[in-house]
Amino acid sequence: MMNTQVTTRVNGVNVDQLVATVQAIQEKPEIARFQFRAQNEWIDGGHSRTTIQGFYGAGQEDESRSQPFVLEGDEPPVLLGGNAGPNAVEAILHALASCLAVGFVYNAAAQGITVESLNFDLEGDLDLQAFLGLSEDVRPGFENIRLTYRVKSDAPREKIEALCDYVQRTSPVLDMLRNPVPVSVALAD
């Protein structure tokens, strides 16, 4: 008789691999340390291009990406750009939604919750006076961000709300937005 192993998949997530990853990190916490990198090049006007490929994680340099991801950044015409891509603050909204979606779906899968659909609507309010050097009384970044989510799932509302609370506590991007992160800036030689 042949022994075949069946992979448990929930929401497109390999739950067996997820559990194994958590166990491996519990046994060897240093493999949880990652370093992500990006390179950006100014193109013209408000347009710049970021490439993302290699990173360090799980105790080694990752080489799984044969081609870099290329992200275009620009401004809309009202902000003197050419709409070659979203602007940087819109990219932050994307990063937040993407991080929360991954956390929600992975944790739902780990709990055996089937998610049929998940959608986020995000809005961020920003006053350009600080960016333009016209005021020191307002901050240059978002004043606030509002996020609304919709979930179609087999779980009751209370379980979905508890899951969302947990995801908020464990989201790297939400943590970076809610808490100051040391950032060093240096001119290269």
N, C-alpha and C. Protein backbone atom coordinates (compact mmCIF):
# COMPACT_ATOMS: atom_id res chain seq x y z
N MET A 1 0.84 -1.18 0.00
CA MET A 1 0.00 0.00 0.00
C MET A 1 0.88 1.25 0.00
N MET A 2 0.56 2.19 -0.87
CA MET A 2 1.37 3.40 -1.01
C MET A 2 0.91 4.45 0.01
N ASN A 3 1.89 5.10 0.67
CA ASN A 3 1.58 6.14 1.65
C ASN A 3 1.72 7.50 0.96
N THR A 4 0.63 8.20 0.82
CA THR A 4 0.66 9.53 0.22
C THR A 4 0.33 10.56 1.28
N GLN A 5 1.05 11.67 1.23
CA GLN A 5 0.82 12.75 2.17
C GLN A 5 -0.09 13.79 1.53
N VAL A 6 -1.12 14.18 2.25
CA VAL A 6 -2.06 15.18 1.76
C VAL A 6 -1.73 16.51 2.43
N THR A 7 -1.59 17.56 1.63
CA THR A 7 -1.30 18.89 2.15
C THR A 7 -2.61 19.56 2.52
N THR A 8 -2.65 20.14 3.71
CA THR A 8 -3.83 20.88 4.15
C THR A 8 -3.73 22.31 3.64
N ARG A 9 -4.68 22.70 2.79
CA ARG A 9 -4.71 24.06 2.24
C ARG A 9 -6.02 24.70 2.64
N VAL A 10 -5.91 25.90 3.22
CA VAL A 10 -7.07 26.71 3.55
C VAL A 10 -6.78 28.11 3.04
N ASN A 11 -7.69 28.68 2.28
CA ASN A 11 -7.53 30.02 1.71
C ASN A 11 -6.30 30.13 0.82
N GLY A 12 -5.89 29.03 0.20
CA GLY A 12 -4.71 29.03 -0.64
C GLY A 12 -3.40 28.97 0.14
N VAL A 13 -3.49 28.77 1.45
CA VAL A 13 -2.31 28.74 2.32
C VAL A 13 -2.01 27.29 2.69
N ASN A 14 -0.76 26.89 2.54
CA ASN A 14 -0.32 25.56 2.95
C ASN A 14 -0.18 25.59 4.47
N VAL A 15 -1.23 25.12 5.16
CA VAL A 15 -1.27 25.19 6.62
C VAL A 15 -0.19 24.31 7.25
N ASP A 16 0.10 23.17 6.64
CA ASP A 16 1.15 22.30 7.17
C ASP A 16 2.51 23.02 7.16
N GLN A 17 2.79 23.73 6.07
CA GLN A 17 4.04 24.48 5.98
C GLN A 17 4.04 25.66 6.95
N LEU A 18 2.90 26.31 7.13
CA LEU A 18 2.78 27.41 8.08
C LEU A 18 3.08 26.92 9.50
N VAL A 19 2.50 25.80 9.88
CA VAL A 19 2.73 25.23 11.22
C VAL A 19 4.20 24.83 11.38
N ALA A 20 4.77 24.23 10.34
CA ALA A 20 6.18 23.83 10.39
C ALA A 20 7.10 25.04 10.53
N THR A 21 6.75 26.13 9.84
CA THR A 21 7.55 27.35 9.94
C THR A 21 7.51 27.91 11.36
N VAL A 22 6.32 27.98 11.94
CA VAL A 22 6.18 28.47 13.31
C VAL A 22 6.98 27.59 14.27
N GLN A 23 6.90 26.27 14.11
CA GLN A 23 7.65 25.36 14.98
C GLN A 23 9.15 25.54 14.81
N ALA A 24 9.61 25.72 13.57
CA ALA A 24 11.04 25.91 13.33
C ALA A 24 11.54 27.19 14.00
N ILE A 25 10.75 28.25 13.95
CA ILE A 25 11.14 29.51 14.59
C ILE A 25 11.11 29.38 16.11
N GLN A 26 10.16 28.63 16.63
CA GLN A 26 10.13 28.41 18.08
C GLN A 26 11.39 27.67 18.54
N GLU A 27 11.87 26.75 17.73
CA GLU A 27 13.06 25.97 18.07
C GLU A 27 14.35 26.75 17.83
N LYS A 28 14.34 27.63 16.83
CA LYS A 28 15.55 28.36 16.44
C LYS A 28 15.15 29.81 16.12
N PRO A 29 14.94 30.66 17.13
CA PRO A 29 14.41 32.02 16.93
C PRO A 29 15.23 32.89 15.97
N GLU A 30 16.53 32.63 15.82
CA GLU A 30 17.35 33.47 14.95
C GLU A 30 16.93 33.38 13.48
N ILE A 31 16.24 32.34 13.07
CA ILE A 31 15.81 32.26 11.66
C ILE A 31 14.63 33.18 11.37
N ALA A 32 14.09 33.82 12.39
CA ALA A 32 13.00 34.79 12.20
C ALA A 32 13.52 36.16 11.79
N ARG A 33 14.84 36.36 11.83
CA ARG A 33 15.43 37.66 11.48
C ARG A 33 15.54 37.79 9.97
N PHE A 34 14.94 38.84 9.42
CA PHE A 34 14.96 39.10 7.97
C PHE A 34 15.49 40.50 7.72
N GLN A 35 16.08 40.70 6.55
CA GLN A 35 16.47 42.04 6.09
C GLN A 35 15.96 42.18 4.66
N PHE A 36 15.03 43.11 4.48
CA PHE A 36 14.49 43.38 3.16
C PHE A 36 15.17 44.62 2.59
N ARG A 37 15.33 44.66 1.28
CA ARG A 37 16.06 45.74 0.64
C ARG A 37 15.32 46.25 -0.59
N ALA A 38 15.54 47.50 -0.92
CA ALA A 38 14.98 48.10 -2.12
C ALA A 38 15.97 49.13 -2.65
N GLN A 39 16.02 49.29 -3.97
CA GLN A 39 16.85 50.31 -4.59
C GLN A 39 15.93 51.20 -5.42
N ASN A 40 16.14 52.50 -5.30
CA ASN A 40 15.30 53.46 -6.01
C ASN A 40 16.16 54.35 -6.89
N GLU A 41 15.66 54.66 -8.08
CA GLU A 41 16.34 55.55 -9.01
C GLU A 41 15.35 56.61 -9.49
N TRP A 42 15.74 57.86 -9.38
CA TRP A 42 14.92 58.95 -9.89
C TRP A 42 14.96 58.90 -11.41
N ILE A 43 13.80 59.07 -12.06
CA ILE A 43 13.71 59.03 -13.52
C ILE A 43 13.59 60.46 -14.07
N ASP A 44 12.52 61.18 -13.67
CA ASP A 44 12.28 62.53 -14.18
C ASP A 44 11.12 63.13 -13.40
N GLY A 45 11.20 64.42 -13.12
CA GLY A 45 10.11 65.07 -12.40
C GLY A 45 9.80 64.35 -11.10
N GLY A 46 8.56 63.95 -10.91
CA GLY A 46 8.17 63.20 -9.70
C GLY A 46 8.31 61.70 -9.85
N HIS A 47 8.76 61.24 -11.02
CA HIS A 47 8.82 59.81 -11.34
C HIS A 47 10.11 59.18 -10.84
N SER A 48 9.97 58.10 -10.10
CA SER A 48 11.12 57.29 -9.70
C SER A 48 10.75 55.82 -9.84
N ARG A 49 11.77 54.97 -9.83
CA ARG A 49 11.55 53.53 -10.02
C ARG A 49 12.29 52.78 -8.92
N THR A 50 11.56 51.89 -8.27
CA THR A 50 12.15 51.06 -7.21
C THR A 50 12.23 49.63 -7.70
N THR A 51 13.38 49.00 -7.48
CA THR A 51 13.51 47.58 -7.76
C THR A 51 13.74 46.84 -6.45
N ILE A 52 13.10 45.69 -6.36
CA ILE A 52 13.18 44.86 -5.16
C ILE A 52 13.43 43.43 -5.63
N GLN A 53 14.47 42.82 -5.10
CA GLN A 53 14.73 41.44 -5.50
C GLN A 53 15.23 40.62 -4.33
N GLY A 54 16.50 40.75 -3.98
CA GLY A 54 17.07 39.90 -2.95
C GLY A 54 16.72 40.35 -1.55
N PHE A 55 16.77 39.42 -0.64
CA PHE A 55 16.61 39.70 0.78
C PHE A 55 17.29 38.60 1.57
N TYR A 56 17.54 38.88 2.84
CA TYR A 56 18.12 37.89 3.74
C TYR A 56 17.02 37.40 4.65
N GLY A 57 16.89 36.09 4.79
CA GLY A 57 15.88 35.55 5.69
C GLY A 57 16.08 34.07 5.92
N ALA A 58 15.56 33.60 7.04
CA ALA A 58 15.67 32.19 7.41
C ALA A 58 17.13 31.72 7.43
N GLY A 59 18.02 32.64 7.84
CA GLY A 59 19.42 32.28 8.02
C GLY A 59 20.28 32.31 6.76
N GLN A 60 19.75 32.85 5.66
CA GLN A 60 20.54 32.87 4.44
C GLN A 60 20.02 33.92 3.46
N GLU A 61 20.86 34.23 2.48
CA GLU A 61 20.44 35.12 1.40
C GLU A 61 19.45 34.36 0.53
N ASP A 62 18.30 34.98 0.26
CA ASP A 62 17.27 34.33 -0.56
C ASP A 62 17.55 34.60 -2.03
N GLU A 63 17.46 33.55 -2.84
CA GLU A 63 17.68 33.68 -4.27
C GLU A 63 16.50 33.14 -5.07
N SER A 64 15.30 33.16 -4.47
CA SER A 64 14.12 32.59 -5.13
C SER A 64 13.55 33.49 -6.22
N ARG A 65 13.94 34.75 -6.24
CA ARG A 65 13.40 35.69 -7.23
C ARG A 65 14.38 35.84 -8.39
N SER A 66 14.04 35.26 -9.52
CA SER A 66 14.93 35.34 -10.68
C SER A 66 14.89 36.71 -11.33
N GLN A 67 13.80 37.43 -11.17
CA GLN A 67 13.64 38.77 -11.72
C GLN A 67 13.21 39.72 -10.60
N PRO A 68 13.66 40.97 -10.66
CA PRO A 68 13.23 41.92 -9.62
C PRO A 68 11.78 42.36 -9.81
N PHE A 69 11.17 42.77 -8.73
CA PHE A 69 9.89 43.46 -8.80
C PHE A 69 10.21 44.92 -9.08
N VAL A 70 9.46 45.54 -9.97
CA VAL A 70 9.69 46.94 -10.32
C VAL A 70 8.44 47.73 -9.97
N LEU A 71 8.62 48.73 -9.15
CA LEU A 71 7.52 49.56 -8.71
C LEU A 71 7.76 50.99 -9.19
N GLU A 72 6.80 51.52 -9.88
CA GLU A 72 6.89 52.90 -10.35
C GLU A 72 6.25 53.82 -9.32
N GLY A 73 6.86 54.95 -9.10
CA GLY A 73 6.31 55.97 -8.21
C GLY A 73 6.27 57.30 -8.94
N ASP A 74 5.21 58.04 -8.77
CA ASP A 74 5.09 59.34 -9.42
C ASP A 74 4.04 60.14 -8.65
N GLU A 75 3.68 61.25 -9.18
CA GLU A 75 2.64 62.11 -8.63
C GLU A 75 1.58 62.34 -9.69
N PRO A 76 0.37 62.66 -9.27
CA PRO A 76 -0.64 63.03 -10.26
C PRO A 76 -0.30 64.41 -10.82
N PRO A 77 -0.89 64.77 -11.97
CA PRO A 77 -0.59 66.07 -12.58
C PRO A 77 -0.82 67.25 -11.65
N VAL A 78 -1.83 67.19 -10.79
CA VAL A 78 -2.10 68.31 -9.88
C VAL A 78 -0.92 68.53 -8.92
N LEU A 79 -0.09 67.51 -8.74
CA LEU A 79 1.11 67.62 -7.92
C LEU A 79 2.38 67.57 -8.78
N LEU A 80 2.23 68.02 -10.05
CA LEU A 80 3.32 68.20 -10.99
C LEU A 80 3.93 66.91 -11.52
N GLY A 81 3.22 65.81 -11.40
CA GLY A 81 3.73 64.54 -11.89
C GLY A 81 3.07 64.11 -13.18
N GLY A 82 3.41 62.91 -13.61
CA GLY A 82 2.89 62.38 -14.86
C GLY A 82 2.08 61.10 -14.71
N ASN A 83 1.70 60.74 -13.49
CA ASN A 83 0.88 59.55 -13.23
C ASN A 83 1.54 58.26 -13.72
N ALA A 84 2.85 58.15 -13.64
CA ALA A 84 3.54 56.92 -14.03
C ALA A 84 3.36 55.81 -13.00
N GLY A 85 2.83 56.17 -11.84
CA GLY A 85 2.58 55.20 -10.77
C GLY A 85 1.96 55.91 -9.60
N PRO A 86 1.58 55.16 -8.57
CA PRO A 86 1.03 55.80 -7.38
C PRO A 86 2.10 56.63 -6.68
N ASN A 87 1.66 57.62 -5.91
CA ASN A 87 2.66 58.38 -5.16
C ASN A 87 3.03 57.62 -3.89
N ALA A 88 4.01 58.10 -3.19
CA ALA A 88 4.56 57.37 -2.04
C ALA A 88 3.54 57.13 -0.95
N VAL A 89 2.68 58.11 -0.67
CA VAL A 89 1.70 57.90 0.40
C VAL A 89 0.62 56.91 -0.03
N GLU A 90 0.30 56.87 -1.33
CA GLU A 90 -0.61 55.83 -1.81
C GLU A 90 0.03 54.45 -1.69
N ALA A 91 1.34 54.38 -1.91
CA ALA A 91 2.05 53.12 -1.75
C ALA A 91 2.01 52.65 -0.30
N ILE A 92 2.02 53.59 0.64
CA ILE A 92 1.88 53.23 2.05
C ILE A 92 0.52 52.59 2.31
N LEU A 93 -0.53 53.15 1.72
CA LEU A 93 -1.86 52.54 1.87
C LEU A 93 -1.87 51.13 1.30
N HIS A 94 -1.22 50.95 0.15
CA HIS A 94 -1.12 49.61 -0.44
C HIS A 94 -0.37 48.67 0.51
N ALA A 95 0.76 49.13 1.04
CA ALA A 95 1.56 48.29 1.94
C ALA A 95 0.75 47.88 3.16
N LEU A 96 -0.01 48.81 3.73
CA LEU A 96 -0.83 48.50 4.89
C LEU A 96 -1.89 47.46 4.54
N ALA A 97 -2.61 47.68 3.45
CA ALA A 97 -3.67 46.74 3.06
C ALA A 97 -3.08 45.36 2.74
N SER A 98 -1.96 45.34 2.04
CA SER A 98 -1.33 44.07 1.68
C SER A 98 -0.89 43.30 2.93
N CYS A 99 -0.30 44.00 3.88
CA CYS A 99 0.16 43.37 5.12
C CYS A 99 -1.01 42.82 5.92
N LEU A 100 -2.06 43.61 6.05
CA LEU A 100 -3.24 43.16 6.80
C LEU A 100 -3.92 41.98 6.11
N ALA A 101 -3.96 42.00 4.79
CA ALA A 101 -4.59 40.89 4.05
C ALA A 101 -3.83 39.59 4.27
N VAL A 102 -2.50 39.64 4.17
CA VAL A 102 -1.69 38.44 4.40
C VAL A 102 -1.90 37.93 5.82
N GLY A 103 -1.81 38.83 6.80
CA GLY A 103 -2.00 38.43 8.18
C GLY A 103 -3.37 37.84 8.43
N PHE A 104 -4.39 38.44 7.85
CA PHE A 104 -5.76 37.96 8.04
C PHE A 104 -5.95 36.57 7.44
N VAL A 105 -5.54 36.42 6.18
CA VAL A 105 -5.76 35.14 5.49
C VAL A 105 -4.91 34.03 6.10
N TYR A 106 -3.66 34.30 6.42
CA TYR A 106 -2.80 33.27 7.02
C TYR A 106 -3.33 32.84 8.38
N ASN A 107 -3.68 33.81 9.21
CA ASN A 107 -4.18 33.47 10.54
C ASN A 107 -5.55 32.81 10.47
N ALA A 108 -6.39 33.21 9.53
CA ALA A 108 -7.67 32.53 9.34
C ALA A 108 -7.42 31.08 8.97
N ALA A 109 -6.49 30.85 8.04
CA ALA A 109 -6.17 29.48 7.63
C ALA A 109 -5.69 28.65 8.82
N ALA A 110 -4.82 29.24 9.64
CA ALA A 110 -4.30 28.53 10.81
C ALA A 110 -5.42 28.15 11.79
N GLN A 111 -6.47 28.97 11.81
CA GLN A 111 -7.61 28.70 12.70
C GLN A 111 -8.70 27.87 12.02
N GLY A 112 -8.47 27.48 10.77
CA GLY A 112 -9.46 26.69 10.04
C GLY A 112 -10.65 27.50 9.54
N ILE A 113 -10.47 28.83 9.45
CA ILE A 113 -11.54 29.71 8.97
C ILE A 113 -11.38 29.87 7.45
N THR A 114 -12.42 29.54 6.72
CA THR A 114 -12.41 29.72 5.27
C THR A 114 -12.84 31.15 4.94
N VAL A 115 -12.01 31.83 4.16
CA VAL A 115 -12.32 33.19 3.71
C VAL A 115 -12.66 33.10 2.23
N GLU A 116 -13.88 33.48 1.89
CA GLU A 116 -14.29 33.48 0.49
C GLU A 116 -13.87 34.77 -0.20
N SER A 117 -13.96 35.89 0.53
CA SER A 117 -13.49 37.17 -0.02
C SER A 117 -13.10 38.08 1.13
N LEU A 118 -12.16 38.98 0.82
CA LEU A 118 -11.66 39.95 1.79
C LEU A 118 -11.32 41.22 1.01
N ASN A 119 -11.89 42.34 1.43
CA ASN A 119 -11.66 43.62 0.75
C ASN A 119 -11.40 44.71 1.78
N PHE A 120 -10.49 45.62 1.42
CA PHE A 120 -10.18 46.76 2.27
C PHE A 120 -10.42 48.06 1.49
N ASP A 121 -10.99 49.04 2.14
CA ASP A 121 -11.06 50.40 1.62
C ASP A 121 -10.24 51.26 2.57
N LEU A 122 -9.31 52.03 2.02
CA LEU A 122 -8.43 52.86 2.83
C LEU A 122 -8.48 54.30 2.36
N GLU A 123 -8.42 55.21 3.31
CA GLU A 123 -8.33 56.65 3.04
C GLU A 123 -7.32 57.24 4.00
N GLY A 124 -6.47 58.11 3.49
CA GLY A 124 -5.51 58.81 4.33
C GLY A 124 -5.59 60.30 4.07
N ASP A 125 -5.63 61.08 5.14
CA ASP A 125 -5.73 62.53 5.02
C ASP A 125 -4.35 63.15 5.22
N LEU A 126 -3.99 64.08 4.32
CA LEU A 126 -2.67 64.68 4.34
C LEU A 126 -2.79 66.16 3.98
N ASP A 127 -2.06 67.00 4.69
CA ASP A 127 -2.02 68.43 4.43
C ASP A 127 -0.65 68.75 3.83
N LEU A 128 -0.61 69.22 2.59
CA LEU A 128 0.65 69.46 1.88
C LEU A 128 1.43 70.67 2.39
N GLN A 129 0.86 71.46 3.29
CA GLN A 129 1.56 72.67 3.73
C GLN A 129 2.94 72.35 4.32
N ALA A 130 3.05 71.28 5.09
CA ALA A 130 4.35 70.95 5.69
C ALA A 130 5.33 70.48 4.62
N PHE A 131 4.88 69.63 3.71
CA PHE A 131 5.74 69.15 2.62
C PHE A 131 6.28 70.30 1.79
N LEU A 132 5.46 71.30 1.56
CA LEU A 132 5.86 72.45 0.76
C LEU A 132 6.62 73.50 1.57
N GLY A 133 6.87 73.23 2.85
CA GLY A 133 7.60 74.17 3.69
C GLY A 133 6.81 75.40 4.08
N LEU A 134 5.47 75.33 4.02
CA LEU A 134 4.63 76.49 4.31
C LEU A 134 4.13 76.53 5.75
N SER A 135 4.28 75.42 6.47
CA SER A 135 3.80 75.38 7.85
C SER A 135 4.61 74.39 8.66
N GLU A 136 4.91 74.79 9.88
CA GLU A 136 5.54 73.87 10.83
C GLU A 136 4.51 73.39 11.84
N ASP A 137 3.25 73.81 11.66
CA ASP A 137 2.19 73.45 12.59
C ASP A 137 1.46 72.17 12.20
N VAL A 138 1.67 71.70 10.99
CA VAL A 138 1.06 70.44 10.56
C VAL A 138 2.16 69.45 10.23
N ARG A 139 1.87 68.19 10.37
CA ARG A 139 2.88 67.18 10.06
C ARG A 139 2.91 66.93 8.56
N PRO A 140 4.05 66.52 8.00
CA PRO A 140 4.12 66.27 6.57
C PRO A 140 3.47 64.95 6.15
N GLY A 141 3.30 64.04 7.08
CA GLY A 141 2.71 62.74 6.75
C GLY A 141 1.21 62.71 6.97
N PHE A 142 0.65 61.51 6.84
CA PHE A 142 -0.78 61.34 7.06
C PHE A 142 -1.18 61.84 8.44
N GLU A 143 -2.28 62.56 8.49
CA GLU A 143 -2.86 62.98 9.77
C GLU A 143 -3.63 61.82 10.39
N ASN A 144 -4.25 61.02 9.54
CA ASN A 144 -4.94 59.81 9.99
C ASN A 144 -5.20 58.93 8.78
N ILE A 145 -5.42 57.67 9.07
CA ILE A 145 -5.78 56.68 8.04
C ILE A 145 -7.02 55.96 8.54
N ARG A 146 -7.99 55.83 7.63
CA ARG A 146 -9.21 55.08 7.95
C ARG A 146 -9.24 53.84 7.06
N LEU A 147 -9.55 52.72 7.67
CA LEU A 147 -9.62 51.46 6.93
C LEU A 147 -10.92 50.74 7.30
N THR A 148 -11.61 50.32 6.29
CA THR A 148 -12.82 49.52 6.48
C THR A 148 -12.60 48.21 5.74
N TYR A 149 -12.98 47.10 6.36
CA TYR A 149 -12.81 45.82 5.69
C TYR A 149 -14.13 45.06 5.62
N ARG A 150 -14.23 44.24 4.58
CA ARG A 150 -15.38 43.37 4.39
C ARG A 150 -14.87 41.95 4.23
N VAL A 151 -15.50 41.02 4.92
CA VAL A 151 -15.09 39.63 4.87
C VAL A 151 -16.31 38.76 4.61
N LYS A 152 -16.17 37.85 3.66
CA LYS A 152 -17.18 36.82 3.47
C LYS A 152 -16.52 35.53 3.91
N SER A 153 -17.08 34.91 4.94
CA SER A 153 -16.41 33.79 5.58
C SER A 153 -17.44 32.86 6.21
N ASP A 154 -16.96 31.66 6.56
CA ASP A 154 -17.82 30.70 7.26
C ASP A 154 -17.83 30.93 8.78
N ALA A 155 -17.05 31.89 9.26
CA ALA A 155 -16.93 32.13 10.70
C ALA A 155 -17.95 33.18 11.16
N PRO A 156 -18.38 33.08 12.42
CA PRO A 156 -19.29 34.11 12.95
C PRO A 156 -18.58 35.45 13.11
N ARG A 157 -19.34 36.52 13.14
CA ARG A 157 -18.81 37.89 13.22
C ARG A 157 -17.84 38.06 14.38
N GLU A 158 -18.16 37.50 15.54
CA GLU A 158 -17.30 37.66 16.72
C GLU A 158 -15.92 37.08 16.47
N LYS A 159 -15.86 35.95 15.78
CA LYS A 159 -14.58 35.32 15.50
C LYS A 159 -13.78 36.14 14.48
N ILE A 160 -14.48 36.73 13.49
CA ILE A 160 -13.83 37.59 12.50
C ILE A 160 -13.27 38.84 13.18
N GLU A 161 -14.04 39.43 14.09
CA GLU A 161 -13.56 40.63 14.80
C GLU A 161 -12.35 40.30 15.67
N ALA A 162 -12.38 39.15 16.35
CA ALA A 162 -11.23 38.74 17.17
C ALA A 162 -10.01 38.50 16.29
N LEU A 163 -10.22 37.90 15.13
CA LEU A 163 -9.12 37.67 14.19
C LEU A 163 -8.55 39.00 13.73
N CYS A 164 -9.40 39.95 13.39
CA CYS A 164 -8.93 41.27 12.94
C CYS A 164 -8.14 41.97 14.05
N ASP A 165 -8.60 41.87 15.29
CA ASP A 165 -7.86 42.46 16.41
C ASP A 165 -6.46 41.84 16.53
N TYR A 166 -6.40 40.52 16.39
CA TYR A 166 -5.12 39.83 16.47
C TYR A 166 -4.19 40.27 15.33
N VAL A 167 -4.73 40.33 14.13
CA VAL A 167 -3.94 40.73 12.97
C VAL A 167 -3.39 42.14 13.15
N GLN A 168 -4.18 43.04 13.72
CA GLN A 168 -3.70 44.40 13.97
C GLN A 168 -2.52 44.40 14.94
N ARG A 169 -2.56 43.53 15.95
CA ARG A 169 -1.48 43.46 16.94
C ARG A 169 -0.20 42.88 16.34
N THR A 170 -0.31 42.09 15.27
CA THR A 170 0.86 41.39 14.73
C THR A 170 1.30 41.90 13.36
N SER A 171 0.67 42.92 12.82
CA SER A 171 1.00 43.44 11.49
C SER A 171 2.27 44.29 11.53
N PRO A 172 3.32 43.91 10.80
CA PRO A 172 4.53 44.73 10.76
C PRO A 172 4.28 46.15 10.21
N VAL A 173 3.51 46.28 9.14
CA VAL A 173 3.30 47.61 8.56
C VAL A 173 2.46 48.47 9.48
N LEU A 174 1.40 47.92 10.06
CA LEU A 174 0.60 48.71 11.00
C LEU A 174 1.44 49.13 12.20
N ASP A 175 2.31 48.25 12.67
CA ASP A 175 3.20 48.61 13.77
C ASP A 175 4.11 49.77 13.38
N MET A 176 4.66 49.73 12.15
CA MET A 176 5.55 50.81 11.71
C MET A 176 4.80 52.14 11.59
N LEU A 177 3.53 52.08 11.23
CA LEU A 177 2.75 53.31 11.13
C LEU A 177 2.34 53.85 12.50
N ARG A 178 2.10 52.97 13.43
CA ARG A 178 1.65 53.39 14.76
C ARG A 178 2.79 53.76 15.70
N ASN A 179 3.98 53.27 15.43
CA ASN A 179 5.11 53.48 16.34
C ASN A 179 6.31 54.02 15.57
N PRO A 180 7.01 54.98 16.16
CA PRO A 180 8.20 55.52 15.47
C PRO A 180 9.23 54.43 15.21
N VAL A 181 9.84 54.46 14.04
CA VAL A 181 10.91 53.54 13.66
C VAL A 181 12.16 54.38 13.41
N PRO A 182 13.28 54.02 14.04
CA PRO A 182 14.50 54.76 13.76
C PRO A 182 14.86 54.63 12.27
N VAL A 183 15.11 55.74 11.64
CA VAL A 183 15.51 55.77 10.23
C VAL A 183 16.78 56.60 10.14
N SER A 184 17.82 56.02 9.59
CA SER A 184 19.05 56.79 9.40
C SER A 184 19.19 57.12 7.92
N VAL A 185 19.61 58.33 7.63
CA VAL A 185 19.78 58.79 6.25
C VAL A 185 21.21 59.30 6.12
N ALA A 186 21.92 58.81 5.12
CA ALA A 186 23.32 59.22 4.94
C ALA A 186 23.61 59.40 3.45
N LEU A 187 24.42 60.39 3.13
CA LEU A 187 24.90 60.61 1.78
C LEU A 187 26.06 59.66 1.53
N ALA A 188 25.96 58.85 0.49
CA ALA A 188 27.01 57.88 0.17
C ALA A 188 28.24 58.61 -0.34
N ASP A 189 29.39 57.98 -0.17
CA ASP A 189 30.66 58.53 -0.67
C ASP A 189 30.72 58.48 -2.17
